[in-house]
Amino acid sequence: RKSTAHLPNVEIDSYHGLLADYVREKGAVAIC
């Protein structure tokens, strides 16, 4: 959060589980 505070369209989160499940949950179109 401190490192990206200057980027208004960046959010920070944490997750314990399959990345694919998180991607689906957030409706993401891509993994970078």
All heavy atoms as atom14 arrays in JSON, in Angstrom:
{
  "sequence": "RKSTAHLPNVEIDSYHGLLADYVREKGAVAIC",
  "atom14_mask": [
    [1, 1, 1, 1, 1, 1, 1, 1, 1, 1, 1, 0, 0, 0],
    [1, 1, 1, 1, 1, 1, 1, 1, 1, 0, 0, 0, 0, 0],
    [1, 1, 1, 1, 1, 1, 0, 0, 0, 0, 0, 0, 0, 0],
    [1, 1, 1, 1, 1, 1, 1, 0, 0, 0, 0, 0, 0, 0],
    [1, 1, 1, 1, 1, 0, 0, 0, 0, 0, 0, 0, 0, 0],
    [1, 1, 1, 1, 1, 1, 1, 1, 1, 1, 0, 0, 0, 0],
    [1, 1, 1, 1, 1, 1, 1, 1, 0, 0, 0, 0, 0, 0],
    [1, 1, 1, 1, 1, 1, 1, 0, 0, 0, 0, 0, 0, 0],
    [1, 1, 1, 1, 1, 1, 1, 1, 0, 0, 0, 0, 0, 0],
    [1, 1, 1, 1, 1, 1, 1, 0, 0, 0, 0, 0, 0, 0],
    [1, 1, 1, 1, 1, 1, 1, 1, 1, 0, 0, 0, 0, 0],
    [1, 1, 1, 1, 1, 1, 1, 1, 0, 0, 0, 0, 0, 0],
    [1, 1, 1, 1, 1, 1, 1, 1, 0, 0, 0, 0, 0, 0],
    [1, 1, 1, 1, 1, 1, 0, 0, 0, 0, 0, 0, 0, 0],
    [1, 1, 1, 1, 1, 1, 1, 1, 1, 1, 1, 1, 0, 0],
    [1, 1, 1, 1, 1, 1, 1, 1, 1, 1, 0, 0, 0, 0],
    [1, 1, 1, 1, 0, 0, 0, 0, 0, 0, 0, 0, 0, 0],
    [1, 1, 1, 1, 1, 1, 1, 1, 0, 0, 0, 0, 0, 0],
    [1, 1, 1, 1, 1, 1, 1, 1, 0, 0, 0, 0, 0, 0],
    [1, 1, 1, 1, 1, 0, 0, 0, 0, 0, 0, 0, 0, 0],
    [1, 1, 1, 1, 1, 1, 1, 1, 0, 0, 0, 0, 0, 0],
    [1, 1, 1, 1, 1, 1, 1, 1, 1, 1, 1, 1, 0, 0],
    [1, 1, 1, 1, 1, 1, 1, 0, 0, 0, 0, 0, 0, 0],
    [1, 1, 1, 1, 1, 1, 1, 1, 1, 1, 1, 0, 0, 0],
    [1, 1, 1, 1, 1, 1, 1, 1, 1, 0, 0, 0, 0, 0],
    [1, 1, 1, 1, 1, 1, 1, 1, 1, 0, 0, 0, 0, 0],
    [1, 1, 1, 1, 0, 0, 0, 0, 0, 0, 0, 0, 0, 0],
    [1, 1, 1, 1, 1, 0, 0, 0, 0, 0, 0, 0, 0, 0],
    [1, 1, 1, 1, 1, 1, 1, 0, 0, 0, 0, 0, 0, 0],
    [1, 1, 1, 1, 1, 0, 0, 0, 0, 0, 0, 0, 0, 0],
    [1, 1, 1, 1, 1, 1, 1, 1, 0, 0, 0, 0, 0, 0],
    [1, 1, 1, 1, 1, 1, 0, 0, 0, 0, 0, 0, 0, 0]
  ],
  "atom14_positions": [
    [[0.84, -1.21, 0.0], [0.0, 0.0, 0.0], [0.86, 1.25, 0.0], [0.6, 2.2, -0.74], [-0.95, -0.01, 1.19], [-2.12, -0.94, 0.99], [-3.24, -0.71, 2.0], [-4.31, -1.63, 1.69], [-4.85, -2.49, 2.53], [-4.44, -2.54, 3.79], [-5.81, -3.29, 2.14], [0.0, 0.0, 0.0], [0.0, 0.0, 0.0], [0.0, 0.0, 0.0]],
    [[1.9, 1.27, 0.83], [2.81, 2.43, 0.86], [3.5, 2.61, -0.49], [3.67, 3.73, -0.97], [3.89, 2.24, 1.94], [3.43, 2.45, 3.35], [4.63, 2.27, 4.28], [4.32, 2.48, 5.71], [5.51, 2.33, 6.57], [0.0, 0.0, 0.0], [0.0, 0.0, 0.0], [0.0, 0.0, 0.0], [0.0, 0.0, 0.0], [0.0, 0.0, 0.0]],
    [[3.91, 1.5, -1.09], [4.69, 1.54, -2.33], [3.87, 1.93, -3.55], [4.43, 2.37, -4.55], [5.33, 0.17, -2.6], [6.16, -0.2, -1.54], [0.0, 0.0, 0.0], [0.0, 0.0, 0.0], [0.0, 0.0, 0.0], [0.0, 0.0, 0.0], [0.0, 0.0, 0.0], [0.0, 0.0, 0.0], [0.0, 0.0, 0.0], [0.0, 0.0, 0.0]],
    [[2.56, 1.74, -3.47], [1.7, 2.01, -4.64], [0.67, 3.11, -4.36], [-0.26, 3.29, -5.15], [0.98, 0.73, -5.09], [0.15, 0.26, -4.02], [1.96, -0.34, -5.52], [0.0, 0.0, 0.0], [0.0, 0.0, 0.0], [0.0, 0.0, 0.0], [0.0, 0.0, 0.0], [0.0, 0.0, 0.0], [0.0, 0.0, 0.0], [0.0, 0.0, 0.0]],
    [[0.82, 3.83, -3.27], [-0.16, 4.86, -2.89], [-0.35, 5.91, -3.98], [-1.42, 6.51, -4.09], [0.26, 5.52, -1.58], [0.0, 0.0, 0.0], [0.0, 0.0, 0.0], [0.0, 0.0, 0.0], [0.0, 0.0, 0.0], [0.0, 0.0, 0.0], [0.0, 0.0, 0.0], [0.0, 0.0, 0.0], [0.0, 0.0, 0.0], [0.0, 0.0, 0.0]],
    [[0.65, 6.12, -4.81], [0.59, 7.12, -5.88], [-0.19, 6.62, -7.11], [-0.4, 7.37, -8.05], [2.01, 7.52, -6.3], [2.79, 6.4, -6.91], [3.24, 5.31, -6.17], [3.18, 6.17, -8.19], [3.88, 4.48, -6.97], [3.86, 4.97, -8.2], [0.0, 0.0, 0.0], [0.0, 0.0, 0.0], [0.0, 0.0, 0.0], [0.0, 0.0, 0.0]],
    [[-0.63, 5.37, -7.1], [-1.35, 4.78, -8.23], [-2.82, 4.63, -7.86], [-3.19, 3.7, -7.14], [-0.74, 3.42, -8.59], [0.74, 3.43, -8.96], [1.3, 2.01, -9.03], [0.95, 4.16, -10.28], [0.0, 0.0, 0.0], [0.0, 0.0, 0.0], [0.0, 0.0, 0.0], [0.0, 0.0, 0.0], [0.0, 0.0, 0.0], [0.0, 0.0, 0.0]],
    [[-3.68, 5.52, -8.34], [-5.08, 5.54, -7.88], [-5.91, 4.3, -8.27], [-6.9, 4.01, -7.61], [-5.66, 6.8, -8.53], [-4.77, 7.1, -9.68], [-3.41, 6.58, -9.3], [0.0, 0.0, 0.0], [0.0, 0.0, 0.0], [0.0, 0.0, 0.0], [0.0, 0.0, 0.0], [0.0, 0.0, 0.0], [0.0, 0.0, 0.0], [0.0, 0.0, 0.0]],
    [[-5.5, 3.59, -9.29], [-6.28, 2.42, -9.72], [-5.72, 1.1, -9.21], [-6.1, 0.04, -9.68], [-6.43, 2.4, -11.24], [-5.11, 2.24, -11.97], [-4.06, 2.66, -11.47], [-5.14, 1.64, -13.14], [0.0, 0.0, 0.0], [0.0, 0.0, 0.0], [0.0, 0.0, 0.0], [0.0, 0.0, 0.0], [0.0, 0.0, 0.0], [0.0, 0.0, 0.0]],
    [[-4.83, 1.17, -8.23], [-4.23, -0.05, -7.66], [-4.79, -0.29, -6.27], [-4.82, 0.61, -5.43], [-2.69, 0.06, -7.61], [-2.08, -1.12, -6.87], [-2.13, 0.16, -9.02], [0.0, 0.0, 0.0], [0.0, 0.0, 0.0], [0.0, 0.0, 0.0], [0.0, 0.0, 0.0], [0.0, 0.0, 0.0], [0.0, 0.0, 0.0], [0.0, 0.0, 0.0]],
    [[-5.25, -1.52, -6.06], [-5.72, -1.98, -4.75], [-4.78, -3.07, -4.26], [-4.15, -3.75, -5.07], [-7.13, -2.58, -4.86], [-8.17, -1.66, -5.43], [-9.47, -2.39, -5.75], [-9.75, -3.46, -5.16], [-10.21, -1.9, -6.61], [0.0, 0.0, 0.0], [0.0, 0.0, 0.0], [0.0, 0.0, 0.0], [0.0, 0.0, 0.0], [0.0, 0.0, 0.0]],
    [[-4.74, -3.25, -2.97], [-3.89, -4.29, -2.37], [-4.8, -5.23, -1.58], [-5.7, -4.79, -0.87], [-2.82, -3.69, -1.44], [-2.06, -2.54, -2.11], [-1.88, -4.78, -0.94], [-1.36, -2.89, -3.39], [0.0, 0.0, 0.0], [0.0, 0.0, 0.0], [0.0, 0.0, 0.0], [0.0, 0.0, 0.0], [0.0, 0.0, 0.0], [0.0, 0.0, 0.0]],
    [[-4.53, -6.52, -1.7], [-5.32, -7.51, -0.98], [-4.41, -8.7, -0.67], [-3.29, -8.79, -1.18], [-6.51, -7.95, -1.84], [-7.64, -8.59, -1.04], [-7.53, -8.69, 0.21], [-8.64, -9.0, -1.66], [0.0, 0.0, 0.0], [0.0, 0.0, 0.0], [0.0, 0.0, 0.0], [0.0, 0.0, 0.0], [0.0, 0.0, 0.0], [0.0, 0.0, 0.0]],
    [[-4.89, -9.6, 0.16], [-4.19, -10.86, 0.41], [-5.2, -11.99, 0.31], [-6.41, -11.77, 0.46], [-3.51, -10.86, 1.79], [-4.47, -10.8, 2.82], [0.0, 0.0, 0.0], [0.0, 0.0, 0.0], [0.0, 0.0, 0.0], [0.0, 0.0, 0.0], [0.0, 0.0, 0.0], [0.0, 0.0, 0.0], [0.0, 0.0, 0.0], [0.0, 0.0, 0.0]],
    [[-4.69, -13.19, 0.01], [-5.59, -14.31, -0.21], [-4.88, -15.61, 0.1], [-3.72, -15.8, -0.24], [-6.05, -14.3, -1.68], [-7.12, -15.31, -2.01], [-8.42, -15.15, -1.53], [-6.83, -16.42, -2.8], [-9.4, -16.08, -1.85], [-7.81, -17.34, -3.12], [-9.1, -17.15, -2.64], [-10.07, -18.07, -2.96], [0.0, 0.0, 0.0], [0.0, 0.0, 0.0]],
    [[-5.63, -16.51, 0.73], [-5.14, -17.85, 1.03], [-6.06, -18.81, 0.28], [-7.21, -18.99, 0.66], [-5.19, -18.1, 2.53], [-4.62, -19.43, 2.92], [-5.35, -20.59, 2.87], [-3.39, -19.77, 3.35], [-4.59, -21.6, 3.25], [-3.39, -21.12, 3.56], [0.0, 0.0, 0.0], [0.0, 0.0, 0.0], [0.0, 0.0, 0.0], [0.0, 0.0, 0.0]],
    [[-5.57, -19.35, -0.79], [-6.37, -20.26, -1.61], [-5.88, -20.25, -3.04], [-4.82, -19.71, -3.35], [0.0, 0.0, 0.0], [0.0, 0.0, 0.0], [0.0, 0.0, 0.0], [0.0, 0.0, 0.0], [0.0, 0.0, 0.0], [0.0, 0.0, 0.0], [0.0, 0.0, 0.0], [0.0, 0.0, 0.0], [0.0, 0.0, 0.0], [0.0, 0.0, 0.0]],
    [[-6.69, -20.85, -3.92], [-6.31, -20.9, -5.33], [-6.45, -19.54, -5.99], [-7.49, -18.89, -5.88], [-7.2, -21.89, -6.08], [-6.9, -23.37, -5.94], [-7.95, -24.19, -6.7], [-5.51, -23.69, -6.45], [0.0, 0.0, 0.0], [0.0, 0.0, 0.0], [0.0, 0.0, 0.0], [0.0, 0.0, 0.0], [0.0, 0.0, 0.0], [0.0, 0.0, 0.0]],
    [[-5.41, -19.14, -6.68], [-5.45, -17.87, -7.41], [-6.62, -17.85, -8.37], [-7.3, -16.82, -8.51], [-4.12, -17.66, -8.16], [-4.04, -16.42, -9.05], [-4.26, -15.14, -8.24], [-2.71, -16.4, -9.78], [0.0, 0.0, 0.0], [0.0, 0.0, 0.0], [0.0, 0.0, 0.0], [0.0, 0.0, 0.0], [0.0, 0.0, 0.0], [0.0, 0.0, 0.0]],
    [[-6.9, -18.96, -9.03], [-8.01, -19.03, -9.99], [-9.34, -18.66, -9.34], [-10.17, -17.97, -9.94], [-8.07, -20.41, -10.62], [0.0, 0.0, 0.0], [0.0, 0.0, 0.0], [0.0, 0.0, 0.0], [0.0, 0.0, 0.0], [0.0, 0.0, 0.0], [0.0, 0.0, 0.0], [0.0, 0.0, 0.0], [0.0, 0.0, 0.0], [0.0, 0.0, 0.0]],
    [[-9.54, -19.11, -8.11], [-10.79, -18.77, -7.4], [-10.88, -17.28, -7.14], [-11.94, -16.66, -7.29], [-10.87, -19.55, -6.07], [-11.06, -21.04, -6.28], [-11.53, -21.46, -7.36], [-10.73, -21.8, -5.34], [0.0, 0.0, 0.0], [0.0, 0.0, 0.0], [0.0, 0.0, 0.0], [0.0, 0.0, 0.0], [0.0, 0.0, 0.0], [0.0, 0.0, 0.0]],
    [[-9.77, -16.68, -6.75], [-9.74, -15.24, -6.49], [-10.0, -14.45, -7.77], [-10.76, -13.49, -7.77], [-8.39, -14.83, -5.88], [-8.34, -13.39, -5.44], [-8.76, -13.02, -4.17], [-7.87, -12.4, -6.31], [-8.72, -11.7, -3.77], [-7.83, -11.08, -5.91], [-8.27, -10.74, -4.63], [-8.24, -9.42, -4.24], [0.0, 0.0, 0.0], [0.0, 0.0, 0.0]],
    [[-9.37, -14.87, -8.86], [-9.55, -14.21, -10.15], [-11.03, -14.23, -10.54], [-11.6, -13.21, -10.95], [-8.68, -14.89, -11.24], [-9.06, -14.44, -12.63], [-7.2, -14.63, -10.96], [0.0, 0.0, 0.0], [0.0, 0.0, 0.0], [0.0, 0.0, 0.0], [0.0, 0.0, 0.0], [0.0, 0.0, 0.0], [0.0, 0.0, 0.0], [0.0, 0.0, 0.0]],
    [[-11.65, -15.37, -10.4], [-13.08, -15.51, -10.73], [-13.92, -14.63, -9.8], [-14.83, -13.92, -10.25], [-13.5, -16.97, -10.62], [-14.9, -17.23, -11.14], [-15.28, -18.71, -11.13], [-14.48, -19.45, -12.11], [-13.53, -20.34, -11.8], [-13.25, -20.61, -10.55], [-12.86, -20.96, -12.75], [0.0, 0.0, 0.0], [0.0, 0.0, 0.0], [0.0, 0.0, 0.0]],
    [[-13.63, -14.66, -8.5], [-14.38, -13.87, -7.51], [-14.35, -12.38, -7.83], [-15.33, -11.67, -7.67], [-13.78, -14.14, -6.13], [-14.37, -13.36, -4.99], [-13.61, -13.6, -3.69], [-13.3, -14.77, -3.4], [-13.33, -12.62, -2.98], [0.0, 0.0, 0.0], [0.0, 0.0, 0.0], [0.0, 0.0, 0.0], [0.0, 0.0, 0.0], [0.0, 0.0, 0.0]],
    [[-13.2, -11.9, -8.3], [-13.03, -10.47, -8.58], [-13.44, -10.09, -10.02], [-13.42, -8.91, -10.37], [-11.58, -10.04, -8.34], [-11.16, -10.15, -6.88], [-12.0, -9.24, -6.0], [-11.6, -9.33, -4.55], [-12.37, -8.45, -3.68], [0.0, 0.0, 0.0], [0.0, 0.0, 0.0], [0.0, 0.0, 0.0], [0.0, 0.0, 0.0], [0.0, 0.0, 0.0]],
    [[-13.76, -11.09, -10.82], [-14.14, -10.8, -12.21], [-12.99, -10.29, -13.05], [-13.19, -9.53, -13.99], [0.0, 0.0, 0.0], [0.0, 0.0, 0.0], [0.0, 0.0, 0.0], [0.0, 0.0, 0.0], [0.0, 0.0, 0.0], [0.0, 0.0, 0.0], [0.0, 0.0, 0.0], [0.0, 0.0, 0.0], [0.0, 0.0, 0.0], [0.0, 0.0, 0.0]],
    [[-11.78, -10.7, -12.72], [-10.59, -10.23, -13.45], [-10.53, -10.86, -14.84], [-10.93, -12.01, -15.03], [-9.33, -10.56, -12.67], [0.0, 0.0, 0.0], [0.0, 0.0, 0.0], [0.0, 0.0, 0.0], [0.0, 0.0, 0.0], [0.0, 0.0, 0.0], [0.0, 0.0, 0.0], [0.0, 0.0, 0.0], [0.0, 0.0, 0.0], [0.0, 0.0, 0.0]],
    [[-9.99, -10.09, -15.78], [-9.83, -10.59, -17.15], [-8.43, -11.15, -17.37], [-8.18, -11.83, -18.36], [-10.13, -9.51, -18.21], [-11.57, -9.02, -18.1], [-9.15, -8.34, -18.11], [0.0, 0.0, 0.0], [0.0, 0.0, 0.0], [0.0, 0.0, 0.0], [0.0, 0.0, 0.0], [0.0, 0.0, 0.0], [0.0, 0.0, 0.0], [0.0, 0.0, 0.0]],
    [[-7.52, -10.86, -16.42], [-6.14, -11.3, -16.63], [-5.38, -11.41, -15.31], [-5.76, -10.83, -14.3], [-5.4, -10.33, -17.55], [0.0, 0.0, 0.0], [0.0, 0.0, 0.0], [0.0, 0.0, 0.0], [0.0, 0.0, 0.0], [0.0, 0.0, 0.0], [0.0, 0.0, 0.0], [0.0, 0.0, 0.0], [0.0, 0.0, 0.0], [0.0, 0.0, 0.0]],
    [[-4.31, -12.19, -15.39], [-3.31, -12.32, -14.34], [-2.02, -11.77, -14.95], [-1.65, -12.15, -16.06], [-3.11, -13.8, -13.94], [-4.41, -14.4, -13.42], [-1.97, -13.95, -12.94], [-4.42, -15.92, -13.37], [0.0, 0.0, 0.0], [0.0, 0.0, 0.0], [0.0, 0.0, 0.0], [0.0, 0.0, 0.0], [0.0, 0.0, 0.0], [0.0, 0.0, 0.0]],
    [[-1.36, -10.88, -14.25], [-0.13, -10.27, -14.76], [1.06, -10.74, -13.92], [1.06, -10.59, -12.7], [-0.24, -8.75, -14.71], [1.24, -7.9, -15.27], [0.0, 0.0, 0.0], [0.0, 0.0, 0.0], [0.0, 0.0, 0.0], [0.0, 0.0, 0.0], [0.0, 0.0, 0.0], [0.0, 0.0, 0.0], [0.0, 0.0, 0.0], [0.0, 0.0, 0.0]]
  ]
}
